[in-house]
Amino acid sequence: PGWLLSPAGRPYLDSILQKNQRRVFGLLERPALPPALAAPTVTYKLFLSGKSGVGKTALVATLAGTPVPPVHHETLGIEATTVYWPAKLRASGRPVIFQLHFWD
């Protein structure tokens, strides 16, 4: 569980942080790692749906490291947010980077 804060996991965590805040990546951007630490990227698309006002947008904002809107407003259409999350697989012990596309 504490792999990201260990010396082995710290470079992966640093690749997604900027000034100790989660970095917001554009459509064509991804975390930059040295070639010796290159890790495969696993992509998932997560579609969030539910009743109005239950916190779907606030959840995505929290996971993306962006400010949570202070007041409720309807999300018009679909908002797409990309979040990168490094992890170490238990089975193989190899690090991977999850690329999560949230559709809210």
PDB file of N, CA and C in Angstrom:
ATOM      1  N   PRO A   1       0.801  -1.223   0.000  1.00  0.00           N
ATOM      2  CA  PRO A   1       0.000   0.000   0.000  1.00  0.00           C
ATOM      3  C   PRO A   1       0.840   1.282   0.000  1.00  0.00           C
ATOM      4  N   GLY A   2       2.035   1.261   0.616  1.00  0.00           N
ATOM      5  CA  GLY A   2       2.849   2.455   0.690  1.00  0.00           C
ATOM      6  C   GLY A   2       3.924   2.520  -0.379  1.00  0.00           C
ATOM      7  N   TRP A   3       3.743   1.773  -1.473  1.00  0.00           N
ATOM      8  CA  TRP A   3       4.764   1.705  -2.504  1.00  0.00           C
ATOM      9  C   TRP A   3       5.066   3.071  -3.127  1.00  0.00           C
ATOM     10  N   LEU A   4       4.048   3.891  -3.353  1.00  0.00           N
ATOM     11  CA  LEU A   4       4.271   5.194  -3.983  1.00  0.00           C
ATOM     12  C   LEU A   4       5.165   6.102  -3.151  1.00  0.00           C
ATOM     13  N   LEU A   5       5.145   5.940  -1.845  1.00  0.00           N
ATOM     14  CA  LEU A   5       5.963   6.788  -0.971  1.00  0.00           C
ATOM     15  C   LEU A   5       7.338   6.182  -0.695  1.00  0.00           C
ATOM     16  N   SER A   6       7.568   4.961  -1.165  1.00  0.00           N
ATOM     17  CA  SER A   6       8.868   4.311  -0.973  1.00  0.00           C
ATOM     18  C   SER A   6       9.874   4.885  -1.972  1.00  0.00           C
ATOM     19  N   PRO A   7      11.173   4.674  -1.735  1.00  0.00           N
ATOM     20  CA  PRO A   7      12.179   5.159  -2.700  1.00  0.00           C
ATOM     21  C   PRO A   7      11.987   4.588  -4.109  1.00  0.00           C
ATOM     22  N   ALA A   8      11.502   3.348  -4.227  1.00  0.00           N
ATOM     23  CA  ALA A   8      11.287   2.752  -5.551  1.00  0.00           C
ATOM     24  C   ALA A   8      10.086   3.356  -6.265  1.00  0.00           C
ATOM     25  N   GLY A   9       9.066   3.754  -5.527  1.00  0.00           N
ATOM     26  CA  GLY A   9       7.850   4.287  -6.136  1.00  0.00           C
ATOM     27  C   GLY A   9       7.815   5.796  -6.273  1.00  0.00           C
ATOM     28  N   ARG A  10       8.704   6.473  -5.574  1.00  0.00           N
ATOM     29  CA  ARG A  10       8.682   7.944  -5.578  1.00  0.00           C
ATOM     30  C   ARG A  10       8.841   8.569  -6.969  1.00  0.00           C
ATOM     31  N   PRO A  11       9.716   8.047  -7.866  1.00  0.00           N
ATOM     32  CA  PRO A  11       9.809   8.651  -9.211  1.00  0.00           C
ATOM     33  C   PRO A  11       8.497   8.579  -9.993  1.00  0.00           C
ATOM     34  N   TYR A  12       7.725   7.513  -9.785  1.00  0.00           N
ATOM     35  CA  TYR A  12       6.443   7.374 -10.473  1.00  0.00           C
ATOM     36  C   TYR A  12       5.445   8.397  -9.937  1.00  0.00           C
ATOM     37  N   LEU A  13       5.449   8.590  -8.620  1.00  0.00           N
ATOM     38  CA  LEU A  13       4.567   9.592  -8.026  1.00  0.00           C
ATOM     39  C   LEU A  13       4.969  10.994  -8.464  1.00  0.00           C
ATOM     40  N   ASP A  14       6.270  11.263  -8.506  1.00  0.00           N
ATOM     41  CA  ASP A  14       6.741  12.582  -8.929  1.00  0.00           C
ATOM     42  C   ASP A  14       6.368  12.888 -10.372  1.00  0.00           C
ATOM     43  N   SER A  15       6.199  11.853 -11.207  1.00  0.00           N
ATOM     44  CA  SER A  15       5.859  12.088 -12.611  1.00  0.00           C
ATOM     45  C   SER A  15       4.435  12.587 -12.788  1.00  0.00           C
ATOM     46  N   ILE A  16       3.560  12.384 -11.799  1.00  0.00           N
ATOM     47  CA  ILE A  16       2.179  12.861 -11.921  1.00  0.00           C
ATOM     48  C   ILE A  16       1.898  14.061 -11.024  1.00  0.00           C
ATOM     49  N   LEU A  17       2.912  14.507 -10.260  1.00  0.00           N
ATOM     50  CA  LEU A  17       2.738  15.658  -9.376  1.00  0.00           C
ATOM     51  C   LEU A  17       3.492  16.862  -9.909  1.00  0.00           C
ATOM     52  N   GLN A  18       2.982  18.037  -9.584  1.00  0.00           N
ATOM     53  CA  GLN A  18       3.644  19.289  -9.898  1.00  0.00           C
ATOM     54  C   GLN A  18       3.433  20.207  -8.694  1.00  0.00           C
ATOM     55  N   LYS A  19       4.510  20.545  -7.998  1.00  0.00           N
ATOM     56  CA  LYS A  19       4.454  21.360  -6.774  1.00  0.00           C
ATOM     57  C   LYS A  19       3.543  20.710  -5.735  1.00  0.00           C
ATOM     58  N   ASN A  20       3.691  19.403  -5.552  1.00  0.00           N
ATOM     59  CA  ASN A  20       2.923  18.591  -4.594  1.00  0.00           C
ATOM     60  C   ASN A  20       1.418  18.598  -4.846  1.00  0.00           C
ATOM     61  N   GLN A  21       1.001  18.939  -6.051  1.00  0.00           N
ATOM     62  CA  GLN A  21      -0.399  18.857  -6.472  1.00  0.00           C
ATOM     63  C   GLN A  21      -0.458  17.938  -7.680  1.00  0.00           C
ATOM     64  N   ARG A  22      -1.563  17.235  -7.830  1.00  0.00           N
ATOM     65  CA  ARG A  22      -1.717  16.359  -8.991  1.00  0.00           C
ATOM     66  C   ARG A  22      -1.709  17.215 -10.251  1.00  0.00           C
ATOM     67  N   ARG A  23      -0.885  16.837 -11.210  1.00  0.00           N
ATOM     68  CA  ARG A  23      -0.746  17.581 -12.453  1.00  0.00           C
ATOM     69  C   ARG A  23      -1.911  17.270 -13.376  1.00  0.00           C
ATOM     70  N   VAL A  24      -2.436  18.297 -14.036  1.00  0.00           N
ATOM     71  CA  VAL A  24      -3.512  18.114 -15.008  1.00  0.00           C
ATOM     72  C   VAL A  24      -2.855  17.922 -16.370  1.00  0.00           C
ATOM     73  N   PHE A  25      -3.131  16.781 -17.004  1.00  0.00           N
ATOM     74  CA  PHE A  25      -2.547  16.455 -18.299  1.00  0.00           C
ATOM     75  C   PHE A  25      -3.530  16.797 -19.402  1.00  0.00           C
ATOM     76  N   GLY A  26      -3.009  17.315 -20.515  1.00  0.00           N
ATOM     77  CA  GLY A  26      -3.827  17.578 -21.692  1.00  0.00           C
ATOM     78  C   GLY A  26      -4.113  16.300 -22.455  1.00  0.00           C
ATOM     79  N   LEU A  27      -4.814  16.434 -23.566  1.00  0.00           N
ATOM     80  CA  LEU A  27      -5.192  15.258 -24.347  1.00  0.00           C
ATOM     81  C   LEU A  27      -3.998  14.479 -24.874  1.00  0.00           C
ATOM     82  N   LEU A  28      -2.944  15.184 -25.259  1.00  0.00           N
ATOM     83  CA  LEU A  28      -1.796  14.514 -25.862  1.00  0.00           C
ATOM     84  C   LEU A  28      -0.629  14.357 -24.898  1.00  0.00           C
ATOM     85  N   GLU A  29      -0.815  14.671 -23.639  1.00  0.00           N
ATOM     86  CA  GLU A  29       0.261  14.585 -22.651  1.00  0.00           C
ATOM     87  C   GLU A  29       0.143  13.305 -21.840  1.00  0.00           C
ATOM     88  N   ARG A  30       1.271  12.918 -21.257  1.00  0.00           N
ATOM     89  CA  ARG A  30       1.307  11.774 -20.356  1.00  0.00           C
ATOM     90  C   ARG A  30       2.484  11.961 -19.414  1.00  0.00           C
ATOM     91  N   PRO A  31       2.539  11.247 -18.302  1.00  0.00           N
ATOM     92  CA  PRO A  31       3.673  11.385 -17.383  1.00  0.00           C
ATOM     93  C   PRO A  31       4.990  11.006 -18.068  1.00  0.00           C
ATOM     94  N   ALA A  32       6.015  11.806 -17.808  1.00  0.00           N
ATOM     95  CA  ALA A  32       7.335  11.539 -18.386  1.00  0.00           C
ATOM     96  C   ALA A  32       8.199  10.812 -17.361  1.00  0.00           C
ATOM     97  N   LEU A  33       8.724   9.669 -17.761  1.00  0.00           N
ATOM     98  CA  LEU A  33       9.600   8.874 -16.913  1.00  0.00           C
ATOM     99  C   LEU A  33      10.907   8.624 -17.640  1.00  0.00           C
ATOM    100  N   PRO A  34      12.010   8.475 -16.903  1.00  0.00           N
ATOM    101  CA  PRO A  34      13.272   8.104 -17.553  1.00  0.00           C
ATOM    102  C   PRO A  34      13.138   6.734 -18.225  1.00  0.00           C
ATOM    103  N   PRO A  35      13.889   6.483 -19.288  1.00  0.00           N
ATOM    104  CA  PRO A  35      13.776   5.187 -19.990  1.00  0.00           C
ATOM    105  C   PRO A  35      14.002   3.976 -19.083  1.00  0.00           C
ATOM    106  N   ALA A  36      14.834   4.112 -18.074  1.00  0.00           N
ATOM    107  CA  ALA A  36      15.088   2.976 -17.177  1.00  0.00           C
ATOM    108  C   ALA A  36      13.866   2.635 -16.330  1.00  0.00           C
ATOM    109  N   LEU A  37      12.956   3.600 -16.136  1.00  0.00           N
ATOM    110  CA  LEU A  37      11.765   3.380 -15.308  1.00  0.00           C
ATOM    111  C   LEU A  37      10.496   3.266 -16.134  1.00  0.00           C
ATOM    112  N   ALA A  38      10.618   3.115 -17.439  1.00  0.00           N
ATOM    113  CA  ALA A  38       9.435   3.045 -18.297  1.00  0.00           C
ATOM    114  C   ALA A  38       8.496   1.941 -17.823  1.00  0.00           C
ATOM    115  N   ALA A  39       7.227   2.283 -17.775  1.00  0.00           N
ATOM    116  CA  ALA A  39       6.203   1.331 -17.323  1.00  0.00           C
ATOM    117  C   ALA A  39       5.082   1.294 -18.350  1.00  0.00           C
ATOM    118  N   PRO A  40       4.468   0.132 -18.543  1.00  0.00           N
ATOM    119  CA  PRO A  40       3.343   0.073 -19.482  1.00  0.00           C
ATOM    120  C   PRO A  40       2.153   0.875 -18.962  1.00  0.00           C
ATOM    121  N   THR A  41       1.386   1.410 -19.888  1.00  0.00           N
ATOM    122  CA  THR A  41       0.191   2.176 -19.542  1.00  0.00           C
ATOM    123  C   THR A  41      -1.036   1.325 -19.845  1.00  0.00           C
ATOM    124  N   VAL A  42      -1.905   1.193 -18.854  1.00  0.00           N
ATOM    125  CA  VAL A  42      -3.145   0.439 -18.990  1.00  0.00           C
ATOM    126  C   VAL A  42      -4.280   1.452 -18.987  1.00  0.00           C
ATOM    127  N   THR A  43      -5.104   1.435 -20.035  1.00  0.00           N
ATOM    128  CA  THR A  43      -6.152   2.442 -20.207  1.00  0.00           C
ATOM    129  C   THR A  43      -7.523   1.874 -19.884  1.00  0.00           C
ATOM    130  N   TYR A  44      -8.296   2.659 -19.115  1.00  0.00           N
ATOM    131  CA  TYR A  44      -9.693   2.326 -18.812  1.00  0.00           C
ATOM    132  C   TYR A  44     -10.546   3.546 -19.065  1.00  0.00           C
ATOM    133  N   LYS A  45     -11.749   3.324 -19.578  1.00  0.00           N
ATOM    134  CA  LYS A  45     -12.729   4.383 -19.732  1.00  0.00           C
ATOM    135  C   LYS A  45     -13.838   4.105 -18.722  1.00  0.00           C
ATOM    136  N   LEU A  46     -14.074   5.068 -17.831  1.00  0.00           N
ATOM    137  CA  LEU A  46     -15.066   4.911 -16.770  1.00  0.00           C
ATOM    138  C   LEU A  46     -16.193   5.908 -16.990  1.00  0.00           C
ATOM    139  N   PHE A  47     -17.393   5.404 -17.177  1.00  0.00           N
ATOM    140  CA  PHE A  47     -18.562   6.240 -17.410  1.00  0.00           C
ATOM    141  C   PHE A  47     -19.340   6.351 -16.117  1.00  0.00           C
ATOM    142  N   LEU A  48     -19.519   7.576 -15.620  1.00  0.00           N
ATOM    143  CA  LEU A  48     -20.268   7.803 -14.390  1.00  0.00           C
ATOM    144  C   LEU A  48     -21.656   8.318 -14.731  1.00  0.00           C
ATOM    145  N   SER A  49     -22.658   7.662 -14.217  1.00  0.00           N
ATOM    146  CA  SER A  49     -24.023   8.128 -14.428  1.00  0.00           C
ATOM    147  C   SER A  49     -24.779   7.963 -13.124  1.00  0.00           C
ATOM    148  N   GLY A  50     -25.813   8.735 -12.986  1.00  0.00           N
ATOM    149  CA  GLY A  50     -26.625   8.660 -11.780  1.00  0.00           C
ATOM    150  C   GLY A  50     -27.506   9.877 -11.662  1.00  0.00           C
ATOM    151  N   LYS A  51     -28.200   9.952 -10.559  1.00  0.00           N
ATOM    152  CA  LYS A  51     -29.121  11.058 -10.328  1.00  0.00           C
ATOM    153  C   LYS A  51     -28.356  12.376 -10.204  1.00  0.00           C
ATOM    154  N   SER A  52     -29.057  13.436 -10.440  1.00  0.00           N
ATOM    155  CA  SER A  52     -28.478  14.772 -10.357  1.00  0.00           C
ATOM    156  C   SER A  52     -28.143  15.128  -8.913  1.00  0.00           C
ATOM    157  N   GLY A  53     -26.982  15.744  -8.715  1.00  0.00           N
ATOM    158  CA  GLY A  53     -26.625  16.267  -7.401  1.00  0.00           C
ATOM    159  C   GLY A  53     -26.055  15.256  -6.421  1.00  0.00           C
ATOM    160  N   VAL A  54     -25.662  14.057  -6.867  1.00  0.00           N
ATOM    161  CA  VAL A  54     -25.148  13.064  -5.926  1.00  0.00           C
ATOM    162  C   VAL A  54     -23.635  13.121  -5.743  1.00  0.00           C
ATOM    163  N   GLY A  55     -22.918  13.895  -6.601  1.00  0.00           N
ATOM    164  CA  GLY A  55     -21.492  14.068  -6.399  1.00  0.00           C
ATOM    165  C   GLY A  55     -20.595  13.431  -7.440  1.00  0.00           C
ATOM    166  N   LYS A  56     -21.118  13.125  -8.619  1.00  0.00           N
ATOM    167  CA  LYS A  56     -20.295  12.512  -9.665  1.00  0.00           C
ATOM    168  C   LYS A  56     -19.173  13.458 -10.095  1.00  0.00           C
ATOM    169  N   THR A  57     -19.498  14.698 -10.359  1.00  0.00           N
ATOM    170  CA  THR A  57     -18.499  15.677 -10.782  1.00  0.00           C
ATOM    171  C   THR A  57     -17.513  15.967  -9.665  1.00  0.00           C
ATOM    172  N   ALA A  58     -17.976  16.024  -8.432  1.00  0.00           N
ATOM    173  CA  ALA A  58     -17.084  16.263  -7.288  1.00  0.00           C
ATOM    174  C   ALA A  58     -16.111  15.095  -7.108  1.00  0.00           C
ATOM    175  N   LEU A  59     -16.564  13.878  -7.324  1.00  0.00           N
ATOM    176  CA  LEU A  59     -15.693  12.707  -7.231  1.00  0.00           C
ATOM    177  C   LEU A  59     -14.586  12.770  -8.275  1.00  0.00           C
ATOM    178  N   VAL A  60     -14.948  13.069  -9.517  1.00  0.00           N
ATOM    179  CA  VAL A  60     -13.948  13.141 -10.588  1.00  0.00           C
ATOM    180  C   VAL A  60     -12.975  14.283 -10.304  1.00  0.00           C
ATOM    181  N   ALA A  61     -13.466  15.420  -9.848  1.00  0.00           N
ATOM    182  CA  ALA A  61     -12.584  16.549  -9.536  1.00  0.00           C
ATOM    183  C   ALA A  61     -11.611  16.183  -8.423  1.00  0.00           C
ATOM    184  N   THR A  62     -12.057  15.484  -7.412  1.00  0.00           N
ATOM    185  CA  THR A  62     -11.187  15.071  -6.317  1.00  0.00           C
ATOM    186  C   THR A  62     -10.112  14.105  -6.806  1.00  0.00           C
ATOM    187  N   LEU A  63     -10.482  13.133  -7.619  1.00  0.00           N
ATOM    188  CA  LEU A  63      -9.512  12.168  -8.141  1.00  0.00           C
ATOM    189  C   LEU A  63      -8.520  12.818  -9.108  1.00  0.00           C
ATOM    190  N   ALA A  64      -8.967  13.840  -9.829  1.00  0.00           N
ATOM    191  CA  ALA A  64      -8.098  14.521 -10.786  1.00  0.00           C
ATOM    192  C   ALA A  64      -7.237  15.585 -10.131  1.00  0.00           C
ATOM    193  N   GLY A  65      -7.515  15.910  -8.869  1.00  0.00           N
ATOM    194  CA  GLY A  65      -6.727  16.924  -8.179  1.00  0.00           C
ATOM    195  C   GLY A  65      -7.115  18.345  -8.545  1.00  0.00           C
ATOM    196  N   THR A  66      -8.293  18.527  -9.074  1.00  0.00           N
ATOM    197  CA  THR A  66      -8.781  19.862  -9.410  1.00  0.00           C
ATOM    198  C   THR A  66      -9.771  20.313  -8.341  1.00  0.00           C
ATOM    199  N   PRO A  67     -10.020  21.620  -8.239  1.00  0.00           N
ATOM    200  CA  PRO A  67     -10.950  22.092  -7.209  1.00  0.00           C
ATOM    201  C   PRO A  67     -12.365  21.563  -7.429  1.00  0.00           C
ATOM    202  N   VAL A  68     -13.009  21.209  -6.333  1.00  0.00           N
ATOM    203  CA  VAL A  68     -14.396  20.763  -6.379  1.00  0.00           C
ATOM    204  C   VAL A  68     -15.274  21.998  -6.506  1.00  0.00           C
ATOM    205  N   PRO A  69     -16.229  21.999  -7.440  1.00  0.00           N
ATOM    206  CA  PRO A  69     -17.105  23.168  -7.573  1.00  0.00           C
ATOM    207  C   PRO A  69     -17.837  23.449  -6.255  1.00  0.00           C
ATOM    208  N   PRO A  70     -17.824  24.718  -5.794  1.00  0.00           N
ATOM    209  CA  PRO A  70     -18.441  25.031  -4.495  1.00  0.00           C
ATOM    210  C   PRO A  70     -19.967  24.968  -4.511  1.00  0.00           C
ATOM    211  N   VAL A  71     -20.566  25.181  -5.664  1.00  0.00           N
ATOM    212  CA  VAL A  71     -22.027  25.132  -5.756  1.00  0.00           C
ATOM    213  C   VAL A  71     -22.419  24.102  -6.807  1.00  0.00           C
ATOM    214  N   HIS A  72     -23.617  23.555  -6.643  1.00  0.00           N
ATOM    215  CA  HIS A  72     -24.102  22.540  -7.577  1.00  0.00           C
ATOM    216  C   HIS A  72     -24.577  23.198  -8.866  1.00  0.00           C
ATOM    217  N   HIS A  73     -24.169  22.633  -9.978  1.00  0.00           N
ATOM    218  CA  HIS A  73     -24.709  23.011 -11.281  1.00  0.00           C
ATOM    219  C   HIS A  73     -24.757  21.763 -12.155  1.00  0.00           C
ATOM    220  N   GLU A  74     -25.732  21.723 -13.015  1.00  0.00           N
ATOM    221  CA  GLU A  74     -25.898  20.570 -13.896  1.00  0.00           C
ATOM    222  C   GLU A  74     -24.730  20.490 -14.867  1.00  0.00           C
ATOM    223  N   THR A  75     -24.217  19.287 -15.087  1.00  0.00           N
ATOM    224  CA  THR A  75     -23.192  19.064 -16.102  1.00  0.00           C
ATOM    225  C   THR A  75     -23.906  18.933 -17.440  1.00  0.00           C
ATOM    226  N   LEU A  76     -23.575  19.824 -18.355  1.00  0.00           N
ATOM    227  CA  LEU A  76     -24.202  19.786 -19.669  1.00  0.00           C
ATOM    228  C   LEU A  76     -23.410  18.847 -20.563  1.00  0.00           C
ATOM    229  N   GLY A  77     -24.069  17.866 -21.115  1.00  0.00           N
ATOM    230  CA  GLY A  77     -23.381  16.910 -21.975  1.00  0.00           C
ATOM    231  C   GLY A  77     -22.479  16.006 -21.167  1.00  0.00           C
ATOM    232  N   ILE A  78     -21.282  15.756 -21.693  1.00  0.00           N
ATOM    233  CA  ILE A  78     -20.319  14.880 -21.035  1.00  0.00           C
ATOM    234  C   ILE A  78     -19.022  15.640 -20.832  1.00  0.00           C
ATOM    235  N   GLU A  79     -18.480  15.567 -19.633  1.00  0.00           N
ATOM    236  CA  GLU A  79     -17.155  16.112 -19.344  1.00  0.00           C
ATOM    237  C   GLU A  79     -16.194  14.939 -19.272  1.00  0.00           C
ATOM    238  N   ALA A  80     -15.116  15.006 -20.043  1.00  0.00           N
ATOM    239  CA  ALA A  80     -14.107  13.947 -20.043  1.00  0.00           C
ATOM    240  C   ALA A  80     -12.880  14.436 -19.282  1.00  0.00           C
ATOM    241  N   THR A  81     -12.406  13.623 -18.334  1.00  0.00           N
ATOM    242  CA  THR A  81     -11.241  13.954 -17.523  1.00  0.00           C
ATOM    243  C   THR A  81     -10.306  12.753 -17.527  1.00  0.00           C
ATOM    244  N   THR A  82      -9.014  13.008 -17.732  1.00  0.00           N
ATOM    245  CA  THR A  82      -8.026  11.940 -17.734  1.00  0.00           C
ATOM    246  C   THR A  82      -7.170  12.023 -16.484  1.00  0.00           C
ATOM    247  N   VAL A  83      -7.042  10.899 -15.793  1.00  0.00           N
ATOM    248  CA  VAL A  83      -6.252  10.809 -14.571  1.00  0.00           C
ATOM    249  C   VAL A  83      -5.245   9.675 -14.747  1.00  0.00           C
ATOM    250  N   TYR A  84      -3.998   9.941 -14.414  1.00  0.00           N
ATOM    251  CA  TYR A  84      -2.962   8.908 -14.420  1.00  0.00           C
ATOM    252  C   TYR A  84      -2.703   8.476 -12.985  1.00  0.00           C
ATOM    253  N   TRP A  85      -2.542   7.165 -12.781  1.00  0.00           N
ATOM    254  CA  TRP A  85      -2.339   6.630 -11.445  1.00  0.00           C
ATOM    255  C   TRP A  85      -1.315   5.499 -11.502  1.00  0.00           C
ATOM    256  N   PRO A  86      -0.112   5.693 -10.945  1.00  0.00           N
ATOM    257  CA  PRO A  86       0.875   4.607 -10.932  1.00  0.00           C
ATOM    258  C   PRO A  86       0.554   3.585  -9.843  1.00  0.00           C
ATOM    259  N   ALA A  87       0.862   2.334 -10.130  1.00  0.00           N
ATOM    260  CA  ALA A  87       0.626   1.259  -9.160  1.00  0.00           C
ATOM    261  C   ALA A  87       1.634   0.148  -9.413  1.00  0.00           C
ATOM    262  N   LYS A  88       1.819  -0.676  -8.410  1.00  0.00           N
ATOM    263  CA  LYS A  88       2.700  -1.838  -8.537  1.00  0.00           C
ATOM    264  C   LYS A  88       1.831  -3.082  -8.415  1.00  0.00           C
ATOM    265  N   LEU A  89       1.885  -3.933  -9.429  1.00  0.00           N
ATOM    266  CA  LEU A  89       1.070  -5.142  -9.431  1.00  0.00           C
ATOM    267  C   LEU A  89       1.603  -6.142  -8.423  1.00  0.00           C
ATOM    268  N   ARG A  90       0.716  -6.748  -7.675  1.00  0.00           N
ATOM    269  CA  ARG A  90       1.132  -7.731  -6.668  1.00  0.00           C
ATOM    270  C   ARG A  90       1.648  -9.005  -7.314  1.00  0.00           C
ATOM    271  N   ALA A  91       0.994  -9.444  -8.376  1.00  0.00           N
ATOM    272  CA  ALA A  91       1.352 -10.725  -8.988  1.00  0.00           C
ATOM    273  C   ALA A  91       2.758 -10.699  -9.597  1.00  0.00           C
ATOM    274  N   SER A  92       3.056  -9.663 -10.365  1.00  0.00           N
ATOM    275  CA  SER A  92       4.350  -9.623 -11.053  1.00  0.00           C
ATOM    276  C   SER A  92       5.368  -8.725 -10.355  1.00  0.00           C
ATOM    277  N   GLY A  93       4.908  -7.803  -9.517  1.00  0.00           N
ATOM    278  CA  GLY A  93       5.812  -6.882  -8.852  1.00  0.00           C
ATOM    279  C   GLY A  93       6.309  -5.767  -9.752  1.00  0.00           C
ATOM    280  N   ARG A  94       5.720  -5.654 -10.950  1.00  0.00           N
ATOM    281  CA  ARG A  94       6.131  -4.618 -11.903  1.00  0.00           C
ATOM    282  C   ARG A  94       5.215  -3.406 -11.786  1.00  0.00           C
ATOM    283  N   PRO A  95       5.777  -2.206 -11.926  1.00  0.00           N
ATOM    284  CA  PRO A  95       4.941  -1.011 -11.915  1.00  0.00           C
ATOM    285  C   PRO A  95       4.209  -0.824 -13.240  1.00  0.00           C
ATOM    286  N   VAL A  96       3.006  -0.299 -13.165  1.00  0.00           N
ATOM    287  CA  VAL A  96       2.215   0.079 -14.334  1.00  0.00           C
ATOM    288  C   VAL A  96       1.623   1.457 -14.061  1.00  0.00           C
ATOM    289  N   ILE A  97       1.214   2.116 -15.107  1.00  0.00           N
ATOM    290  CA  ILE A  97       0.533   3.392 -14.958  1.00  0.00           C
ATOM    291  C   ILE A  97      -0.864   3.228 -15.538  1.00  0.00           C
ATOM    292  N   PHE A  98      -1.871   3.452 -14.700  1.00  0.00           N
ATOM    293  CA  PHE A  98      -3.251   3.389 -15.158  1.00  0.00           C
ATOM    294  C   PHE A  98      -3.634   4.747 -15.716  1.00  0.00           C
ATOM    295  N   GLN A  99      -4.219   4.737 -16.907  1.00  0.00           N
ATOM    296  CA  GLN A  99      -4.746   5.940 -17.516  1.00  0.00           C
ATOM    297  C   GLN A  99      -6.258   5.804 -17.458  1.00  0.00           C
ATOM    298  N   LEU A 100      -6.885   6.586 -16.606  1.00  0.00           N
ATOM    299  CA  LEU A 100      -8.321   6.487 -16.375  1.00  0.00           C
ATOM    300  C   LEU A 100      -9.020   7.660 -17.077  1.00  0.00           C
ATOM    301  N   HIS A 101      -9.881   7.329 -18.026  1.00  0.00           N
ATOM    302  CA  HIS A 101     -10.685   8.358 -18.712  1.00  0.00           C
ATOM    303  C   HIS A 101     -12.059   8.366 -18.054  1.00  0.00           C
ATOM    304  N   PHE A 102     -12.315   9.387 -17.267  1.00  0.00           N
ATOM    305  CA  PHE A 102     -13.627   9.530 -16.618  1.00  0.00           C
ATOM    306  C   PHE A 102     -14.549  10.296 -17.538  1.00  0.00           C
ATOM    307  N   TRP A 103     -15.704   9.728 -17.817  1.00  0.00           N
ATOM    308  CA  TRP A 103     -16.752  10.412 -18.566  1.00  0.00           C
ATOM    309  C   TRP A 103     -17.879  10.681 -17.591  1.00  0.00           C
ATOM    310  N   ASP A 104     -18.116  11.954 -17.338  1.00  0.00           N
ATOM    311  CA  ASP A 104     -19.113  12.373 -16.346  1.00  0.00           C
ATOM    312  C   ASP A 104     -20.244  13.086 -17.059  1.00  0.00           C
TER     313      ASP A 104
END
